[in-house]
Amino acid sequence: MTQPLVLNYLRAKKQFPHVWCPGCGHGVVMGSLIRAIDKLALSKDDVVMVSGIGCSSRMTAYVDFNTLHTLHGRPIAYATGLKLARPELPVIVITGDGDATAIGGNHFIHAARRNIDLTVILMNNNIYGMTGGQVSPTTPYGGRGSTAKSGNPEHPFDISQLAIAAGASFVARSTAYHVPAMDRLIQQALENKGFSLVEIFSQCPTYEGKWNKRGDAATMLKFYKDNAIPVTSKSKYSEEELKEKFLIGILHNTPKAEFTAEYQKIIEKYQIKEQMTQLSQQKGKNEPEASSKESESSDSED
C-alpha cells in the first residue's frame, strides 16, 4: 500500500499526535502546503519555513524542511534576513492573525511594502488560541473572547486588504473548507517573485467557536462553505449581499520589482565601482615604475 504523500514530508522521528485541538483547521492547511510544494517539485533541502509563536506556528515542528521556530511576532523579520543572505532559497513564513498583525504588524506591512520574495501562509482563526482565547486584530466587532466577554469594542483588520494597501504583489484568500482551491493558491503564491500572502480562514472550535456559539468544527466549516464568494463571481452579487459574505481566490496579483533582486543590483553597482577604483589605483602605481625604468634605460645609453 502506498503511503499518503504528506508522510513523505513529515519528520519521522517527531512525536505525534500534534498539538492542534480536534477540529482545528491548521492540519488541513499543512496538508495543502505540502501538496503545493510537492507539485512544484521543490527540494526539501532548499525549502525554508519560518514561524513565530501560536497554534499555527507549531507547524514547523512537524515538517521535514529547513525550519526556524522563532519569537512572537518576528517570523517575517527572521525570514527577511534569511532571504537576503540566501535569496535563491524559497522562504515560507507560517503565522497567524495575532502573530503577524498584532505584535508582528510592522514587520508584516514593511515586508509587503518592500515586496521581498517571501510566501506568507497566514492562518486566521479570529482569536488567540494557544494562550486562552483572547481577542485578536481580526476578532469581529462585537465578537467575544476571554478578554472581551461582553463583546469586542474594536474593529478588525481585513488582513488581505492590509497587505494589498501595504504593497504586496500577490494576495489570495481561502478557507479550510476550500482545500483544492487552497492547494492552487499556495502554489501560485510560491511561484510569485515578490511578497505573497495567502490568508486562510481556519476554524477554532475550542475557543472562537465556543465563545461565539458557532457550533462544532463541521458547523464552522459549513459557515465557510455558505458564505465564501469566489472573486470571479463577485459581479453576480449586490453590494448589500456582499456585506455578509467574504471573497476567496486571488484578490490581487500585480508583479513588480522584487526587493532582493533590486538590492543585488546595488551590491553589483558598488562592486563594479570598487573594482574600477582598484584598477585605477593599480594603474597609478604602475606608471611611476614604468617611468623609472625608462629613466634608467636612458641613463645607461648616455
Protein backbone atom coordinates (compact mmCIF):
# COMPACT_ATOMS: atom_id res chain seq x y z
CA MET A 1 0.00 0.00 0.00
CA THR A 2 1.40 3.40 -1.00
CA GLN A 3 1.72 5.78 1.94
CA PRO A 4 -0.02 9.17 1.76
CA LEU A 5 2.00 11.92 0.10
CA VAL A 6 2.02 14.06 3.23
CA LEU A 7 4.02 11.43 5.14
CA ASN A 8 6.97 11.97 2.78
CA TYR A 9 7.29 15.49 4.14
CA LEU A 10 6.89 14.90 7.87
CA ARG A 11 9.68 14.35 10.37
CA ALA A 12 9.59 10.63 11.02
CA LYS A 13 11.14 10.90 14.49
CA LYS A 14 8.86 13.70 15.65
CA GLN A 15 6.50 12.55 18.35
CA PHE A 16 2.87 12.59 17.29
CA PRO A 17 -0.02 13.30 17.77
CA HIS A 18 0.37 17.03 17.10
CA VAL A 19 -0.66 19.82 19.48
CA TRP A 20 -3.67 21.04 17.48
CA CYS A 21 -7.11 20.53 19.02
CA PRO A 22 -9.66 18.20 17.40
CA GLY A 23 -11.46 20.12 14.66
CA CYS A 24 -8.72 22.75 14.19
CA GLY A 25 -8.15 23.72 10.56
CA HIS A 26 -4.38 24.10 10.78
CA GLY A 27 -3.59 20.48 9.91
CA VAL A 28 -5.66 20.86 6.75
CA VAL A 29 -3.55 23.89 5.81
CA MET A 30 -0.35 21.93 6.44
CA GLY A 31 -1.52 19.22 4.04
CA SER A 32 -2.36 21.79 1.41
CA LEU A 33 1.02 23.47 1.71
CA ILE A 34 2.82 20.14 1.39
CA ARG A 35 0.87 19.26 -1.77
CA ALA A 36 1.73 22.64 -3.31
CA ILE A 37 5.44 22.16 -2.56
CA ASP A 38 5.34 18.65 -4.00
CA LYS A 39 3.53 19.86 -7.13
CA LEU A 40 6.33 22.36 -7.74
CA ALA A 41 8.96 19.67 -7.09
CA LEU A 42 10.80 21.90 -4.61
CA SER A 43 13.65 20.14 -2.83
CA LYS A 44 13.19 19.55 0.89
CA ASP A 45 16.83 20.59 1.29
CA ASP A 46 16.07 24.01 -0.22
CA VAL A 47 12.71 24.92 1.29
CA VAL A 48 12.90 27.07 4.43
CA MET A 49 9.94 27.55 6.76
CA VAL A 50 9.98 30.23 9.44
CA SER A 51 7.31 30.53 12.12
CA GLY A 52 6.62 32.68 15.16
CA ILE A 53 4.54 31.78 18.19
CA GLY A 54 0.99 30.48 18.25
CA CYS A 55 -1.06 27.45 17.23
CA SER A 56 -0.27 27.89 13.53
CA SER A 57 3.44 28.34 14.18
CA ARG A 58 3.74 24.83 15.60
CA MET A 59 3.67 23.57 12.02
CA THR A 60 7.42 23.98 11.65
CA ALA A 61 7.96 21.30 14.29
CA TYR A 62 6.41 18.60 12.11
CA VAL A 63 7.56 19.24 8.55
CA ASP A 64 10.82 17.87 7.14
CA PHE A 65 12.27 21.11 5.76
CA ASN A 66 14.80 23.63 7.00
CA THR A 67 12.80 25.27 9.79
CA LEU A 68 13.10 28.15 12.24
CA HIS A 69 10.66 28.41 15.15
CA THR A 70 11.28 31.99 16.24
CA LEU A 71 9.94 34.73 18.54
CA HIS A 72 6.40 36.01 18.83
CA GLY A 73 5.68 38.43 16.00
CA ARG A 74 9.14 38.09 14.47
CA PRO A 75 8.99 35.33 11.82
CA ILE A 76 8.93 37.83 8.95
CA ALA A 77 11.95 39.64 10.42
CA TYR A 78 13.93 36.38 10.61
CA ALA A 79 12.74 35.39 7.14
CA THR A 80 13.81 38.75 5.70
CA GLY A 81 17.35 38.31 6.97
CA LEU A 82 17.47 34.75 5.71
CA LYS A 83 16.19 35.73 2.26
CA LEU A 84 18.76 38.50 1.95
CA ALA A 85 21.55 36.07 2.89
CA ARG A 86 20.29 33.24 0.66
CA PRO A 87 17.99 34.77 -1.99
CA GLU A 88 18.00 31.60 -4.09
CA LEU A 89 16.06 29.64 -1.43
CA PRO A 90 12.24 29.51 -1.29
CA VAL A 91 11.34 31.02 2.10
CA ILE A 92 7.88 30.40 3.57
CA VAL A 93 6.51 32.14 6.65
CA ILE A 94 3.98 30.28 8.79
CA THR A 95 1.99 32.62 11.01
CA GLY A 96 -1.39 33.54 12.45
CA ASP A 97 -3.58 36.62 12.72
CA GLY A 98 -2.18 37.67 16.10
CA ASP A 99 1.45 36.75 15.44
CA ALA A 100 1.51 38.58 12.09
CA THR A 101 -0.68 41.63 12.57
CA ALA A 102 -0.55 42.47 16.30
CA ILE A 103 2.97 42.21 17.74
CA GLY A 104 4.29 41.49 14.23
CA GLY A 105 2.29 44.15 12.41
CA ASN A 106 5.18 46.44 11.46
CA HIS A 107 7.23 43.56 10.05
CA PHE A 108 4.20 42.46 8.04
CA ILE A 109 3.44 45.78 6.37
CA HIS A 110 7.06 46.67 5.64
CA ALA A 111 7.87 43.28 4.12
CA ALA A 112 4.82 43.76 1.88
CA ARG A 113 5.97 47.32 1.06
CA ARG A 114 9.44 46.09 0.09
CA ASN A 115 7.92 43.28 -1.97
CA ILE A 116 10.56 40.86 -0.69
CA ASP A 117 10.20 37.33 -2.08
CA LEU A 118 8.53 35.64 0.90
CA THR A 119 5.44 33.45 0.84
CA VAL A 120 3.35 34.11 3.93
CA ILE A 121 0.80 31.46 4.88
CA LEU A 122 -1.40 33.20 7.44
CA MET A 123 -3.97 31.13 9.31
CA ASN A 124 -6.71 33.44 10.54
CA ASN A 125 -8.94 31.99 13.26
CA ASN A 126 -10.02 35.39 14.65
CA ILE A 127 -8.63 34.68 18.12
CA TYR A 128 -5.53 33.87 20.16
CA GLY A 129 -5.97 30.12 20.51
CA MET A 130 -2.77 28.96 22.19
CA THR A 131 -2.98 31.39 25.11
CA GLY A 132 -6.62 31.03 26.06
CA GLY A 133 -8.98 32.75 23.65
CA GLN A 134 -8.07 36.43 23.82
CA VAL A 135 -9.42 38.68 21.07
CA SER A 136 -7.02 39.33 18.17
CA PRO A 137 -6.73 42.04 15.49
CA THR A 138 -9.22 40.08 13.36
CA THR A 139 -11.85 39.32 16.00
CA PRO A 140 -15.07 40.79 14.59
CA TYR A 141 -16.59 43.88 16.18
CA GLY A 142 -18.83 42.57 18.95
CA GLY A 143 -17.19 39.13 18.89
CA ARG A 144 -16.49 37.53 22.22
CA GLY A 145 -13.32 36.13 23.76
CA SER A 146 -11.68 35.67 27.15
CA THR A 147 -10.59 39.34 27.14
CA ALA A 148 -13.87 40.67 25.75
CA LYS A 149 -16.64 38.73 27.45
CA SER A 150 -19.19 41.43 26.69
CA GLY A 151 -18.11 41.79 23.06
CA ASN A 152 -15.08 43.19 21.26
CA PRO A 153 -15.23 47.04 21.13
CA GLU A 154 -12.51 47.19 18.44
CA HIS A 155 -12.94 46.99 14.68
CA PRO A 156 -10.95 44.23 12.95
CA PHE A 157 -8.30 44.28 10.28
CA ASP A 158 -9.07 42.91 6.85
CA ILE A 159 -5.65 41.27 6.55
CA SER A 160 -5.75 40.73 2.80
CA GLN A 161 -6.69 44.36 2.16
CA LEU A 162 -3.98 45.47 4.59
CA ALA A 163 -1.38 43.52 2.59
CA ILE A 164 -2.62 44.97 -0.70
CA ALA A 165 -2.53 48.52 0.68
CA ALA A 166 0.98 47.95 2.04
CA GLY A 167 2.30 46.87 -1.38
CA ALA A 168 2.20 43.06 -1.61
CA SER A 169 2.36 41.84 -5.20
CA PHE A 170 0.23 38.69 -4.68
CA VAL A 171 -2.65 38.33 -2.23
CA ALA A 172 -5.12 35.45 -2.05
CA ARG A 173 -7.66 34.09 0.41
CA SER A 174 -9.10 30.64 1.03
CA THR A 175 -10.59 28.60 3.87
CA ALA A 176 -10.01 25.25 5.48
CA TYR A 177 -13.13 24.06 3.65
CA HIS A 178 -11.98 25.01 0.13
CA VAL A 179 -9.00 22.65 0.03
CA PRO A 180 -8.41 22.15 -3.74
CA ALA A 181 -8.57 25.92 -4.25
CA MET A 182 -6.18 26.40 -1.34
CA ASP A 183 -3.69 23.99 -2.94
CA ARG A 184 -3.72 26.03 -6.15
CA LEU A 185 -3.47 29.41 -4.41
CA ILE A 186 -0.48 28.36 -2.32
CA GLN A 187 1.24 27.01 -5.43
CA GLN A 188 0.66 30.32 -7.25
CA ALA A 189 1.93 32.24 -4.24
CA LEU A 190 5.12 30.17 -4.20
CA GLU A 191 5.63 30.89 -7.89
CA ASN A 192 5.26 34.65 -7.48
CA LYS A 193 8.54 36.57 -7.27
CA GLY A 194 7.68 39.02 -4.54
CA PHE A 195 5.76 39.27 -1.28
CA SER A 196 2.90 36.78 -1.41
CA LEU A 197 0.17 36.38 1.16
CA VAL A 198 -2.32 33.53 1.34
CA GLU A 199 -4.79 34.28 4.12
CA ILE A 200 -6.63 31.15 5.18
CA PHE A 201 -9.70 31.18 7.39
CA SER A 202 -9.07 28.29 9.75
CA GLN A 203 -11.71 27.35 12.31
CA CYS A 204 -11.01 27.27 16.06
CA PRO A 205 -13.90 25.37 17.65
CA THR A 206 -12.13 25.18 21.02
CA TYR A 207 -12.12 28.92 21.71
CA GLU A 208 -13.53 31.12 18.95
CA GLY A 209 -16.32 28.65 18.24
CA LYS A 210 -17.34 28.19 21.88
CA TRP A 211 -17.09 31.84 22.87
CA ASN A 212 -19.24 32.88 19.91
CA LYS A 213 -21.58 29.88 19.83
CA ARG A 214 -20.57 28.90 16.28
CA GLY A 215 -21.04 25.19 16.88
CA ASP A 216 -18.59 22.38 16.24
CA ALA A 217 -15.88 22.20 13.56
CA ALA A 218 -18.25 20.83 10.93
CA THR A 219 -20.70 23.68 11.52
CA MET A 220 -17.91 26.23 11.27
CA LEU A 221 -16.72 24.68 8.00
CA LYS A 222 -20.29 24.86 6.69
CA PHE A 223 -20.25 28.58 7.50
CA TYR A 224 -17.17 28.96 5.27
CA LYS A 225 -18.90 26.99 2.53
CA ASP A 226 -22.10 29.05 2.69
CA ASN A 227 -20.52 32.49 2.98
CA ALA A 228 -17.48 32.37 0.70
CA ILE A 229 -17.85 34.05 -2.69
CA PRO A 230 -15.26 33.32 -5.39
CA VAL A 231 -13.82 36.64 -6.51
CA THR A 232 -14.64 35.64 -10.10
CA SER A 233 -18.34 35.58 -9.13
CA LYS A 234 -18.36 38.89 -7.28
CA SER A 235 -20.27 40.69 -10.06
CA LYS A 236 -23.26 38.40 -9.54
CA TYR A 237 -23.94 39.87 -6.10
CA SER A 238 -25.12 43.28 -4.96
CA GLU A 239 -23.08 45.38 -2.53
CA GLU A 240 -25.69 44.65 0.12
CA GLU A 241 -25.40 40.89 -0.41
CA LEU A 242 -21.61 41.02 -0.27
CA LYS A 243 -21.62 42.73 3.14
CA GLU A 244 -22.39 39.48 4.92
CA LYS A 245 -20.02 37.40 2.76
CA PHE A 246 -16.30 37.25 2.13
CA LEU A 247 -14.29 36.83 -1.06
CA ILE A 248 -11.97 33.93 -1.80
CA GLY A 249 -9.49 33.43 -4.61
CA ILE A 250 -6.80 35.75 -5.98
CA LEU A 251 -7.61 39.21 -4.64
CA HIS A 252 -4.54 40.96 -6.05
CA ASN A 253 -1.82 39.96 -8.50
CA THR A 254 0.41 42.78 -9.71
CA PRO A 255 4.03 41.76 -10.39
CA LYS A 256 6.66 44.39 -9.64
CA ALA A 257 10.35 44.72 -8.80
CA GLU A 258 11.40 42.32 -6.03
CA PHE A 259 13.48 43.60 -3.12
CA THR A 260 16.38 41.13 -3.04
CA ALA A 261 16.88 41.45 -6.81
CA GLU A 262 16.94 45.24 -6.52
CA TYR A 263 19.31 45.03 -3.55
CA GLN A 264 21.62 42.77 -5.56
CA LYS A 265 21.79 45.44 -8.27
CA ILE A 266 23.03 47.92 -5.68
CA ILE A 267 25.65 45.45 -4.46
CA GLU A 268 26.85 44.80 -8.01
CA LYS A 269 26.96 48.54 -8.77
CA TYR A 270 29.31 49.17 -5.86
CA GLN A 271 31.32 46.04 -6.57
CA ILE A 272 31.99 47.37 -10.09
CA LYS A 273 32.81 50.80 -8.65
CA GLU A 274 35.25 49.20 -6.20
CA GLN A 275 36.86 47.16 -8.96
CA MET A 276 37.29 50.28 -11.11
CA THR A 277 38.84 52.11 -8.17
CA GLN A 278 41.27 49.26 -7.55
CA LEU A 279 42.24 49.14 -11.24
CA SER A 280 42.77 52.89 -11.24
CA GLN A 281 44.94 52.67 -8.15
CA GLN A 282 46.94 49.81 -9.62
CA LYS A 283 47.45 51.76 -12.83
CA GLY A 284 48.69 54.72 -10.79
CA LYS A 285 51.24 52.51 -9.03
CA ASN A 286 52.49 51.01 -12.28
CA GLU A 287 53.03 54.34 -14.05
CA PRO A 288 55.89 55.59 -11.75
CA GLU A 289 57.59 52.21 -12.04
CA ALA A 290 57.45 52.38 -15.84
CA SER A 291 58.73 55.98 -15.78
CA SER A 292 61.62 54.98 -13.50
CA LYS A 293 62.62 52.11 -15.79
CA GLU A 294 62.58 54.41 -18.83
CA SER A 295 64.83 56.88 -16.97
CA GLU A 296 67.28 54.14 -16.03
CA SER A 297 67.41 52.96 -19.63
CA SER A 298 68.09 56.50 -20.87
CA ASP A 299 70.95 56.97 -18.36
CA SER A 300 72.64 53.73 -19.43
CA GLU A 301 72.54 54.77 -23.10
CA ASP A 302 74.27 58.03 -22.26
